Amino acid sequence: MRRSLVLTDEKARHPFLASLPPHVRLGEQPVAIARSQPGWAKDLRDFLAAYCACFIAVSLYIA
């Protein structure tokens, strides 16, 4: 019986990839992330929060 001296997959062709288990190396299809608020409402809220924070910071620096 002939046994390999290494416990890696020779088809991986890279030392790091060869050290990974087969189920990790093959990967899975990316899963789509569901948005909690559809549309532009969350984007607008985030933009306004960042704008107000920057405006306050600049106003405090100038004053």
PDB file of N, CA and C in Angstrom:
ATOM      1  N   MET A   1       0.839  -1.175   0.000  1.00  0.00           N
ATOM      2  CA  MET A   1       0.000   0.000   0.000  1.00  0.00           C
ATOM      3  C   MET A   1       0.887   1.243   0.000  1.00  0.00           C
ATOM      4  N   ARG A   2       0.647   2.125  -0.938  1.00  0.00           N
ATOM      5  CA  ARG A   2       1.450   3.333  -1.057  1.00  0.00           C
ATOM      6  C   ARG A   2       0.663   4.501  -0.495  1.00  0.00           C
ATOM      7  N   ARG A   3       1.266   5.234   0.420  1.00  0.00           N
ATOM      8  CA  ARG A   3       0.603   6.376   1.054  1.00  0.00           C
ATOM      9  C   ARG A   3       1.400   7.637   0.775  1.00  0.00           C
ATOM     10  N   SER A   4       0.691   8.720   0.654  1.00  0.00           N
ATOM     11  CA  SER A   4       1.341   9.995   0.407  1.00  0.00           C
ATOM     12  C   SER A   4       1.964  10.510   1.698  1.00  0.00           C
ATOM     13  N   LEU A   5       3.072  11.212   1.569  1.00  0.00           N
ATOM     14  CA  LEU A   5       3.738  11.752   2.747  1.00  0.00           C
ATOM     15  C   LEU A   5       3.114  13.075   3.204  1.00  0.00           C
ATOM     16  N   VAL A   6       2.350  13.697   2.356  1.00  0.00           N
ATOM     17  CA  VAL A   6       1.716  14.963   2.718  1.00  0.00           C
ATOM     18  C   VAL A   6       0.208  14.777   2.744  1.00  0.00           C
ATOM     19  N   LEU A   7      -0.451  15.579   3.545  1.00  0.00           N
ATOM     20  CA  LEU A   7      -1.897  15.500   3.667  1.00  0.00           C
ATOM     21  C   LEU A   7      -2.573  16.641   2.920  1.00  0.00           C
ATOM     22  N   THR A   8      -2.058  16.966   1.757  1.00  0.00           N
ATOM     23  CA  THR A   8      -2.585  18.088   0.994  1.00  0.00           C
ATOM     24  C   THR A   8      -3.101  17.601  -0.348  1.00  0.00           C
ATOM     25  N   ASP A   9      -3.800  18.469  -1.009  1.00  0.00           N
ATOM     26  CA  ASP A   9      -4.316  18.181  -2.339  1.00  0.00           C
ATOM     27  C   ASP A   9      -3.342  18.772  -3.356  1.00  0.00           C
ATOM     28  N   GLU A  10      -2.834  17.935  -4.229  1.00  0.00           N
ATOM     29  CA  GLU A  10      -1.847  18.399  -5.206  1.00  0.00           C
ATOM     30  C   GLU A  10      -2.484  19.222  -6.316  1.00  0.00           C
ATOM     31  N   LYS A  11      -3.805  19.154  -6.489  1.00  0.00           N
ATOM     32  CA  LYS A  11      -4.478  19.911  -7.533  1.00  0.00           C
ATOM     33  C   LYS A  11      -4.639  21.378  -7.155  1.00  0.00           C
ATOM     34  N   ALA A  12      -4.420  21.729  -5.912  1.00  0.00           N
ATOM     35  CA  ALA A  12      -4.610  23.110  -5.478  1.00  0.00           C
ATOM     36  C   ALA A  12      -3.546  24.029  -6.073  1.00  0.00           C
ATOM     37  N   ARG A  13      -2.329  23.546  -6.269  1.00  0.00           N
ATOM     38  CA  ARG A  13      -1.225  24.262  -6.915  1.00  0.00           C
ATOM     39  C   ARG A  13      -0.725  25.486  -6.143  1.00  0.00           C
ATOM     40  N   HIS A  14      -1.081  25.608  -4.896  1.00  0.00           N
ATOM     41  CA  HIS A  14      -0.557  26.680  -4.066  1.00  0.00           C
ATOM     42  C   HIS A  14      -0.495  26.150  -2.639  1.00  0.00           C
ATOM     43  N   PRO A  15       0.574  26.445  -1.894  1.00  0.00           N
ATOM     44  CA  PRO A  15       0.702  25.878  -0.548  1.00  0.00           C
ATOM     45  C   PRO A  15      -0.456  26.241   0.384  1.00  0.00           C
ATOM     46  N   PHE A  16      -0.935  27.477   0.307  1.00  0.00           N
ATOM     47  CA  PHE A  16      -2.034  27.868   1.185  1.00  0.00           C
ATOM     48  C   PHE A  16      -3.320  27.162   0.790  1.00  0.00           C
ATOM     49  N   LEU A  17      -3.605  27.122  -0.521  1.00  0.00           N
ATOM     50  CA  LEU A  17      -4.820  26.445  -0.972  1.00  0.00           C
ATOM     51  C   LEU A  17      -4.752  24.949  -0.700  1.00  0.00           C
ATOM     52  N   ALA A  18      -3.586  24.365  -0.797  1.00  0.00           N
ATOM     53  CA  ALA A  18      -3.438  22.941  -0.542  1.00  0.00           C
ATOM     54  C   ALA A  18      -3.672  22.601   0.921  1.00  0.00           C
ATOM     55  N   SER A  19      -3.435  23.559   1.811  1.00  0.00           N
ATOM     56  CA  SER A  19      -3.631  23.293   3.232  1.00  0.00           C
ATOM     57  C   SER A  19      -5.082  23.409   3.668  1.00  0.00           C
ATOM     58  N   LEU A  20      -5.944  23.987   2.815  1.00  0.00           N
ATOM     59  CA  LEU A  20      -7.351  24.145   3.162  1.00  0.00           C
ATOM     60  C   LEU A  20      -8.118  22.849   2.921  1.00  0.00           C
ATOM     61  N   PRO A  21      -9.149  22.589   3.731  1.00  0.00           N
ATOM     62  CA  PRO A  21      -9.989  21.422   3.468  1.00  0.00           C
ATOM     63  C   PRO A  21     -10.741  21.591   2.150  1.00  0.00           C
ATOM     64  N   PRO A  22     -11.132  20.490   1.525  1.00  0.00           N
ATOM     65  CA  PRO A  22     -11.788  20.589   0.215  1.00  0.00           C
ATOM     66  C   PRO A  22     -13.075  21.413   0.227  1.00  0.00           C
ATOM     67  N   HIS A  23     -13.871  21.311   1.284  1.00  0.00           N
ATOM     68  CA  HIS A  23     -15.134  22.050   1.287  1.00  0.00           C
ATOM     69  C   HIS A  23     -14.912  23.558   1.415  1.00  0.00           C
ATOM     70  N   VAL A  24     -13.810  23.975   1.994  1.00  0.00           N
ATOM     71  CA  VAL A  24     -13.501  25.401   2.097  1.00  0.00           C
ATOM     72  C   VAL A  24     -12.896  25.897   0.785  1.00  0.00           C
ATOM     73  N   ARG A  25     -12.042  25.098   0.179  1.00  0.00           N
ATOM     74  CA  ARG A  25     -11.358  25.507  -1.039  1.00  0.00           C
ATOM     75  C   ARG A  25     -12.324  25.642  -2.211  1.00  0.00           C
ATOM     76  N   LEU A  26     -13.322  24.799  -2.289  1.00  0.00           N
ATOM     77  CA  LEU A  26     -14.259  24.867  -3.403  1.00  0.00           C
ATOM     78  C   LEU A  26     -15.183  26.065  -3.293  1.00  0.00           C
ATOM     79  N   GLY A  27     -15.524  26.467  -2.089  1.00  0.00           N
ATOM     80  CA  GLY A  27     -16.350  27.647  -1.897  1.00  0.00           C
ATOM     81  C   GLY A  27     -17.815  27.384  -2.193  1.00  0.00           C
ATOM     82  N   GLU A  28     -18.609  28.368  -1.930  1.00  0.00           N
ATOM     83  CA  GLU A  28     -20.041  28.293  -2.167  1.00  0.00           C
ATOM     84  C   GLU A  28     -20.470  29.519  -2.954  1.00  0.00           C
ATOM     85  N   GLN A  29     -21.648  29.461  -3.504  1.00  0.00           N
ATOM     86  CA  GLN A  29     -22.194  30.596  -4.224  1.00  0.00           C
ATOM     87  C   GLN A  29     -22.511  31.712  -3.234  1.00  0.00           C
ATOM     88  N   PRO A  30     -22.244  32.967  -3.592  1.00  0.00           N
ATOM     89  CA  PRO A  30     -22.553  34.065  -2.676  1.00  0.00           C
ATOM     90  C   PRO A  30     -24.060  34.187  -2.459  1.00  0.00           C
ATOM     91  N   VAL A  31     -24.413  34.536  -1.229  1.00  0.00           N
ATOM     92  CA  VAL A  31     -25.810  34.666  -0.856  1.00  0.00           C
ATOM     93  C   VAL A  31     -26.196  36.137  -0.924  1.00  0.00           C
ATOM     94  N   ALA A  32     -27.308  36.433  -1.539  1.00  0.00           N
ATOM     95  CA  ALA A  32     -27.765  37.815  -1.648  1.00  0.00           C
ATOM     96  C   ALA A  32     -28.231  38.304  -0.273  1.00  0.00           C
ATOM     97  N   ILE A  33     -27.889  39.546   0.050  1.00  0.00           N
ATOM     98  CA  ILE A  33     -28.268  40.140   1.329  1.00  0.00           C
ATOM     99  C   ILE A  33     -29.567  40.907   1.129  1.00  0.00           C
ATOM    100  N   ALA A  34     -30.543  40.598   1.963  1.00  0.00           N
ATOM    101  CA  ALA A  34     -31.834  41.284   1.869  1.00  0.00           C
ATOM    102  C   ALA A  34     -31.726  42.640   2.556  1.00  0.00           C
ATOM    103  N   ARG A  35     -32.279  43.657   1.919  1.00  0.00           N
ATOM    104  CA  ARG A  35     -32.267  45.000   2.499  1.00  0.00           C
ATOM    105  C   ARG A  35     -33.487  45.162   3.383  1.00  0.00           C
ATOM    106  N   SER A  36     -33.304  45.798   4.532  1.00  0.00           N
ATOM    107  CA  SER A  36     -34.416  45.977   5.454  1.00  0.00           C
ATOM    108  C   SER A  36     -35.375  47.073   4.974  1.00  0.00           C
ATOM    109  N   GLN A  37     -34.844  48.147   4.402  1.00  0.00           N
ATOM    110  CA  GLN A  37     -35.667  49.225   3.882  1.00  0.00           C
ATOM    111  C   GLN A  37     -35.423  49.341   2.383  1.00  0.00           C
ATOM    112  N   PRO A  38     -36.399  48.965   1.581  1.00  0.00           N
ATOM    113  CA  PRO A  38     -36.186  49.090   0.143  1.00  0.00           C
ATOM    114  C   PRO A  38     -36.197  50.555  -0.286  1.00  0.00           C
ATOM    115  N   GLY A  39     -35.464  50.820  -1.335  1.00  0.00           N
ATOM    116  CA  GLY A  39     -35.468  52.174  -1.886  1.00  0.00           C
ATOM    117  C   GLY A  39     -34.357  53.046  -1.355  1.00  0.00           C
ATOM    118  N   TRP A  40     -34.597  54.344  -1.384  1.00  0.00           N
ATOM    119  CA  TRP A  40     -33.568  55.336  -1.122  1.00  0.00           C
ATOM    120  C   TRP A  40     -33.668  55.945   0.272  1.00  0.00           C
ATOM    121  N   ALA A  41     -34.615  55.542   1.112  1.00  0.00           N
ATOM    122  CA  ALA A  41     -34.832  56.179   2.417  1.00  0.00           C
ATOM    123  C   ALA A  41     -33.618  56.019   3.342  1.00  0.00           C
ATOM    124  N   LYS A  42     -33.057  54.821   3.403  1.00  0.00           N
ATOM    125  CA  LYS A  42     -31.898  54.595   4.281  1.00  0.00           C
ATOM    126  C   LYS A  42     -30.673  55.339   3.760  1.00  0.00           C
ATOM    127  N   ASP A  43     -30.490  55.365   2.450  1.00  0.00           N
ATOM    128  CA  ASP A  43     -29.359  56.088   1.870  1.00  0.00           C
ATOM    129  C   ASP A  43     -29.451  57.581   2.167  1.00  0.00           C
ATOM    130  N   LEU A  44     -30.640  58.136   2.048  1.00  0.00           N
ATOM    131  CA  LEU A  44     -30.836  59.547   2.331  1.00  0.00           C
ATOM    132  C   LEU A  44     -30.578  59.853   3.803  1.00  0.00           C
ATOM    133  N   ARG A  45     -31.058  58.984   4.682  1.00  0.00           N
ATOM    134  CA  ARG A  45     -30.840  59.180   6.114  1.00  0.00           C
ATOM    135  C   ARG A  45     -29.350  59.128   6.457  1.00  0.00           C
ATOM    136  N   ASP A  46     -28.625  58.175   5.877  1.00  0.00           N
ATOM    137  CA  ASP A  46     -27.190  58.072   6.131  1.00  0.00           C
ATOM    138  C   ASP A  46     -26.437  59.284   5.584  1.00  0.00           C
ATOM    139  N   PHE A  47     -26.825  59.759   4.407  1.00  0.00           N
ATOM    140  CA  PHE A  47     -26.183  60.931   3.839  1.00  0.00           C
ATOM    141  C   PHE A  47     -26.415  62.159   4.714  1.00  0.00           C
ATOM    142  N   LEU A  48     -27.647  62.355   5.159  1.00  0.00           N
ATOM    143  CA  LEU A  48     -27.949  63.517   6.005  1.00  0.00           C
ATOM    144  C   LEU A  48     -27.221  63.439   7.341  1.00  0.00           C
ATOM    145  N   ALA A  49     -27.097  62.271   7.913  1.00  0.00           N
ATOM    146  CA  ALA A  49     -26.373  62.118   9.169  1.00  0.00           C
ATOM    147  C   ALA A  49     -24.890  62.472   8.985  1.00  0.00           C
ATOM    148  N   ALA A  50     -24.286  62.001   7.895  1.00  0.00           N
ATOM    149  CA  ALA A  50     -22.877  62.311   7.638  1.00  0.00           C
ATOM    150  C   ALA A  50     -22.687  63.793   7.342  1.00  0.00           C
ATOM    151  N   TYR A  51     -23.609  64.393   6.583  1.00  0.00           N
ATOM    152  CA  TYR A  51     -23.510  65.808   6.249  1.00  0.00           C
ATOM    153  C   TYR A  51     -23.610  66.663   7.516  1.00  0.00           C
ATOM    154  N   CYS A  52     -24.576  66.341   8.379  1.00  0.00           N
ATOM    155  CA  CYS A  52     -24.742  67.110   9.616  1.00  0.00           C
ATOM    156  C   CYS A  52     -23.531  66.953  10.535  1.00  0.00           C
ATOM    157  N   ALA A  53     -22.991  65.739  10.619  1.00  0.00           N
ATOM    158  CA  ALA A  53     -21.826  65.515  11.467  1.00  0.00           C
ATOM    159  C   ALA A  53     -20.619  66.305  10.961  1.00  0.00           C
ATOM    160  N   CYS A  54     -20.403  66.319   9.653  1.00  0.00           N
ATOM    161  CA  CYS A  54     -19.285  67.083   9.087  1.00  0.00           C
ATOM    162  C   CYS A  54     -19.496  68.582   9.256  1.00  0.00           C
ATOM    163  N   PHE A  55     -20.731  69.042   9.070  1.00  0.00           N
ATOM    164  CA  PHE A  55     -21.023  70.468   9.225  1.00  0.00           C
ATOM    165  C   PHE A  55     -20.771  70.922  10.659  1.00  0.00           C
ATOM    166  N   ILE A  56     -21.191  70.122  11.632  1.00  0.00           N
ATOM    167  CA  ILE A  56     -20.971  70.473  13.037  1.00  0.00           C
ATOM    168  C   ILE A  56     -19.472  70.474  13.360  1.00  0.00           C
ATOM    169  N   ALA A  57     -18.749  69.469  12.849  1.00  0.00           N
ATOM    170  CA  ALA A  57     -17.317  69.375  13.134  1.00  0.00           C
ATOM    171  C   ALA A  57     -16.571  70.566  12.549  1.00  0.00           C
ATOM    172  N   VAL A  58     -16.882  70.962  11.328  1.00  0.00           N
ATOM    173  CA  VAL A  58     -16.228  72.108  10.704  1.00  0.00           C
ATOM    174  C   VAL A  58     -16.605  73.388  11.421  1.00  0.00           C
ATOM    175  N   SER A  59     -17.871  73.525  11.814  1.00  0.00           N
ATOM    176  CA  SER A  59     -18.305  74.730  12.535  1.00  0.00           C
ATOM    177  C   SER A  59     -17.600  74.867  13.877  1.00  0.00           C
ATOM    178  N   LEU A  60     -17.401  73.760  14.571  1.00  0.00           N
ATOM    179  CA  LEU A  60     -16.693  73.825  15.852  1.00  0.00           C
ATOM    180  C   LEU A  60     -15.214  74.128  15.646  1.00  0.00           C
ATOM    181  N   TYR A  61     -14.639  73.654  14.547  1.00  0.00           N
ATOM    182  CA  TYR A  61     -13.227  73.917  14.288  1.00  0.00           C
ATOM    183  C   TYR A  61     -13.007  75.388  13.943  1.00  0.00           C
ATOM    184  N   ILE A  62     -13.914  75.977  13.181  1.00  0.00           N
ATOM    185  CA  ILE A  62     -13.780  77.378  12.765  1.00  0.00           C
ATOM    186  C   ILE A  62     -14.001  78.314  13.948  1.00  0.00           C
ATOM    187  N   ALA A  63     -14.973  77.982  14.790  1.00  0.00           N
ATOM    188  CA  ALA A  63     -15.338  78.887  15.889  1.00  0.00           C
ATOM    189  C   ALA A  63     -14.335  78.933  16.983  1.00  0.00           C
TER     190      ALA A  63
END
